[in-house]
Amino acid sequence: MAEEEEEGGEAGGSVLKKYGPLAAVVLLVQVVLAWVMIKVALPDGGAEGDEEERLETVYVQVEQQDAEDNSLPYQYQPEALLNITANPAGTNMERYIVIDAALGLTGSNEENEKLGAEAMVAAVTKVDDSMPLIKQVITSIISRQTVDQLEGEAFEEVRKAIRKRLNEEIFNSLFTMGQDKMVIEVQDFIVSRKVVQ
């Protein structure tokens, strides 16, 4: 009888002894993987980036663009333009669209010369200040479209409408030649991800 109790005690303890360290190792691996994923997915480690550091990145990107003398617009994708969600027209709020967008910006000075890096950094700061208005224009246009207009080739017309309205309602008043000695326009409204459900 005493031997049976000893075997029963060992059997109950052996499961914890056998799988306890394994569970601890698995938990540790999960924590390390989560940390690595945060570092890889979010370059700033998940914390909000420092404004100067972000603008320095913009400065470097614009300098690289100037060095290449590329006619493509400067692609600016702030965090505010990620995961823009709206309900398409005629869906009774049962369907939605989520997009990640970027602004293809071009700029010129009063002599109609392409803007340098410092001027683009100043422009990006001013664009950031107007981001709530920019996001409002985007969501209002998307919300007026039907699901069919938001899918396939028809979405190209929606992108053009957003670009045109951003220039007319925001960028033309933000960057006037008299005040800033520069003109910044949205040459392209870029959608890097679109999910219609």
Protein backbone atom coordinates (compact mmCIF):
# COMPACT_ATOMS: atom_id res chain seq x y z
CA MET A 1 0.00 0.00 0.00
CA ALA A 2 2.84 2.37 0.85
CA GLU A 3 4.49 1.55 -2.47
CA GLU A 4 1.30 2.43 -4.38
CA GLU A 5 1.11 5.82 -2.64
CA GLU A 6 4.73 6.53 -3.55
CA GLU A 7 4.09 5.62 -7.19
CA GLY A 8 0.95 7.82 -7.24
CA GLY A 9 2.88 10.75 -5.76
CA GLU A 10 5.65 10.32 -8.32
CA ALA A 11 3.17 10.11 -11.19
CA GLY A 12 1.47 13.39 -10.14
CA GLY A 13 4.77 15.16 -9.70
CA SER A 14 6.36 13.64 -12.78
CA VAL A 15 3.97 15.44 -15.17
CA LEU A 16 4.94 18.81 -13.72
CA LYS A 17 8.58 17.84 -13.61
CA LYS A 18 8.43 16.45 -17.13
CA TYR A 19 6.46 19.25 -18.90
CA GLY A 20 7.10 22.25 -16.63
CA PRO A 21 10.51 23.12 -18.06
CA LEU A 22 9.19 22.58 -21.59
CA ALA A 23 6.31 24.98 -20.93
CA ALA A 24 8.75 27.57 -19.55
CA VAL A 25 10.97 27.27 -22.62
CA VAL A 26 7.98 27.62 -24.97
CA LEU A 27 6.81 30.72 -23.09
CA LEU A 28 10.30 32.23 -23.26
CA VAL A 29 10.52 31.54 -27.01
CA GLN A 30 7.13 33.19 -27.57
CA VAL A 31 8.21 36.31 -25.69
CA VAL A 32 11.45 36.51 -27.69
CA LEU A 33 9.57 36.01 -30.99
CA ALA A 34 7.05 38.71 -30.07
CA TRP A 35 9.89 41.12 -29.28
CA VAL A 36 11.62 40.32 -32.59
CA MET A 37 8.36 40.79 -34.53
CA ILE A 38 7.80 44.20 -32.93
CA LYS A 39 11.35 45.26 -33.80
CA VAL A 40 11.02 44.02 -37.39
CA ALA A 41 7.46 45.21 -38.09
CA LEU A 42 7.86 48.57 -36.38
CA PRO A 43 11.27 50.09 -37.11
CA ASP A 44 10.99 52.46 -34.17
CA GLY A 45 10.42 49.53 -31.79
CA GLY A 46 6.71 50.17 -31.34
CA ALA A 47 7.16 53.59 -29.77
CA GLU A 48 6.05 56.77 -31.44
CA GLY A 49 8.97 58.10 -33.47
CA ASP A 50 10.76 61.27 -32.57
CA GLU A 51 9.72 64.11 -34.90
CA GLU A 52 13.29 65.11 -35.72
CA GLU A 53 14.25 61.52 -36.48
CA ARG A 54 11.27 61.12 -38.80
CA LEU A 55 12.03 64.37 -40.59
CA GLU A 56 15.67 63.34 -40.90
CA THR A 57 14.47 60.18 -42.65
CA VAL A 58 12.36 62.31 -44.98
CA TYR A 59 15.39 64.51 -45.63
CA VAL A 60 17.54 61.51 -46.57
CA GLN A 61 14.84 60.06 -48.81
CA VAL A 62 14.39 63.36 -50.64
CA GLU A 63 18.16 63.77 -51.02
CA GLN A 64 18.34 60.30 -52.55
CA GLN A 65 15.50 61.20 -54.91
CA ASP A 66 17.31 64.41 -55.90
CA ALA A 67 20.54 62.50 -56.50
CA GLU A 68 18.76 60.08 -58.79
CA ASP A 69 16.93 62.96 -60.53
CA ASN A 70 13.90 60.74 -60.67
CA SER A 71 10.70 62.21 -62.08
CA LEU A 72 8.57 60.08 -59.79
CA PRO A 73 6.92 61.94 -56.91
CA TYR A 74 8.19 61.75 -53.37
CA GLN A 75 6.07 59.05 -51.70
CA TYR A 76 5.01 60.12 -48.24
CA GLN A 77 3.14 57.58 -46.09
CA PRO A 78 2.46 58.85 -42.57
CA GLU A 79 0.94 56.56 -39.98
CA ALA A 80 -2.35 58.47 -40.21
CA LEU A 81 -2.87 57.13 -43.75
CA LEU A 82 -2.62 53.49 -42.66
CA ASN A 83 -5.80 51.50 -41.98
CA ILE A 84 -8.25 54.13 -43.25
CA THR A 85 -11.67 52.56 -42.82
CA ALA A 86 -14.94 53.63 -44.44
CA ASN A 87 -18.37 52.21 -45.22
CA PRO A 88 -19.23 52.19 -48.96
CA ALA A 89 -22.48 53.79 -50.10
CA GLY A 90 -25.56 51.59 -50.28
CA THR A 91 -24.29 48.91 -47.90
CA ASN A 92 -26.32 49.94 -44.84
CA MET A 93 -23.04 49.90 -42.88
CA GLU A 94 -22.78 46.12 -43.35
CA ARG A 95 -19.66 46.31 -45.54
CA TYR A 96 -16.45 48.26 -45.21
CA ILE A 97 -13.23 49.10 -46.98
CA VAL A 98 -9.79 49.44 -45.40
CA ILE A 99 -6.91 51.04 -47.27
CA ASP A 100 -3.30 51.96 -46.66
CA ALA A 101 -2.43 55.06 -48.65
CA ALA A 102 0.51 57.29 -49.47
CA LEU A 103 0.77 60.70 -51.07
CA GLY A 104 2.94 61.11 -54.14
CA LEU A 105 4.11 64.69 -53.59
CA THR A 106 5.87 66.98 -56.04
CA GLY A 107 7.13 70.45 -55.32
CA SER A 108 8.55 73.44 -57.11
CA ASN A 109 9.68 76.94 -56.19
CA GLU A 110 8.72 80.27 -57.74
CA GLU A 111 11.26 79.72 -60.55
CA ASN A 112 9.49 76.42 -61.27
CA GLU A 113 12.54 74.42 -60.16
CA LYS A 114 12.22 71.14 -58.32
CA LEU A 115 12.35 71.58 -54.53
CA GLY A 116 15.38 70.38 -52.59
CA ALA A 117 15.43 68.25 -49.48
CA GLU A 118 15.14 71.08 -46.91
CA ALA A 119 12.08 72.55 -48.61
CA MET A 120 10.42 69.12 -48.80
CA VAL A 121 11.05 68.58 -45.08
CA ALA A 122 9.29 71.88 -44.34
CA ALA A 123 6.46 70.88 -46.66
CA VAL A 124 6.04 67.48 -45.00
CA THR A 125 5.77 69.15 -41.59
CA LYS A 126 3.00 71.38 -42.93
CA VAL A 127 1.27 68.36 -44.51
CA ASP A 128 1.38 66.55 -41.16
CA ASP A 129 -0.40 69.47 -39.51
CA SER A 130 -3.24 69.06 -42.04
CA MET A 131 -3.47 65.26 -41.79
CA PRO A 132 -6.94 65.24 -40.13
CA LEU A 133 -8.34 67.23 -43.08
CA ILE A 134 -6.55 65.00 -45.58
CA LYS A 135 -7.98 61.89 -43.95
CA GLN A 136 -11.46 63.44 -43.88
CA VAL A 137 -11.34 64.14 -47.64
CA ILE A 138 -10.25 60.57 -48.35
CA THR A 139 -12.94 58.93 -46.19
CA SER A 140 -15.70 61.22 -47.48
CA ILE A 141 -14.95 60.35 -51.11
CA ILE A 142 -14.65 56.63 -50.40
CA SER A 143 -17.90 56.64 -48.39
CA ARG A 144 -19.80 58.02 -51.39
CA GLN A 145 -18.71 55.16 -53.65
CA THR A 146 -20.49 51.85 -54.09
CA VAL A 147 -18.72 48.53 -53.60
CA ASP A 148 -18.51 48.10 -57.40
CA GLN A 149 -16.76 51.47 -57.74
CA LEU A 150 -14.22 50.46 -55.09
CA GLU A 151 -13.21 47.22 -56.80
CA GLY A 152 -11.28 46.50 -59.95
CA GLU A 153 -10.47 49.12 -62.57
CA ALA A 154 -13.24 51.44 -61.38
CA PHE A 155 -11.12 52.23 -58.33
CA GLU A 156 -8.70 54.16 -60.57
CA GLU A 157 -11.35 56.87 -60.98
CA VAL A 158 -11.76 57.05 -57.19
CA ARG A 159 -8.00 57.51 -56.77
CA LYS A 160 -8.02 60.33 -59.34
CA ALA A 161 -10.96 62.00 -57.59
CA ILE A 162 -9.17 61.85 -54.23
CA ARG A 163 -5.99 63.32 -55.72
CA LYS A 164 -7.89 66.14 -57.43
CA ARG A 165 -9.89 67.03 -54.33
CA LEU A 166 -6.83 66.95 -52.05
CA ASN A 167 -5.12 69.44 -54.34
CA GLU A 168 -8.17 71.69 -54.67
CA GLU A 169 -9.30 71.75 -51.04
CA ILE A 170 -6.07 71.40 -49.07
CA PHE A 171 -2.80 71.70 -50.96
CA ASN A 172 -3.73 74.76 -53.06
CA SER A 173 -4.56 76.72 -49.91
CA LEU A 174 -1.68 75.27 -47.85
CA PHE A 175 1.04 76.11 -50.32
CA THR A 176 0.46 79.37 -52.10
CA MET A 177 3.25 80.96 -54.06
CA GLY A 178 3.06 84.31 -52.24
CA GLN A 179 3.50 82.99 -48.69
CA ASP A 180 5.75 79.97 -48.96
CA LYS A 181 7.55 80.56 -52.26
CA MET A 182 6.79 76.95 -53.14
CA VAL A 183 4.01 74.85 -54.60
CA ILE A 184 3.41 71.32 -53.34
CA GLU A 185 0.91 69.10 -55.10
CA VAL A 186 -0.37 65.57 -54.81
CA GLN A 187 0.75 64.09 -58.12
CA ASP A 188 -0.44 60.61 -57.17
CA PHE A 189 -2.65 59.04 -54.52
CA ILE A 190 -1.08 55.64 -53.93
CA VAL A 191 -3.02 52.75 -52.39
CA SER A 192 -0.67 50.05 -51.16
CA ARG A 193 -3.35 47.88 -49.57
CA LYS A 194 -7.11 47.66 -50.13
CA VAL A 195 -9.53 45.29 -48.42
CA VAL A 196 -13.24 45.37 -49.28
CA GLN A 197 -15.45 43.22 -47.06
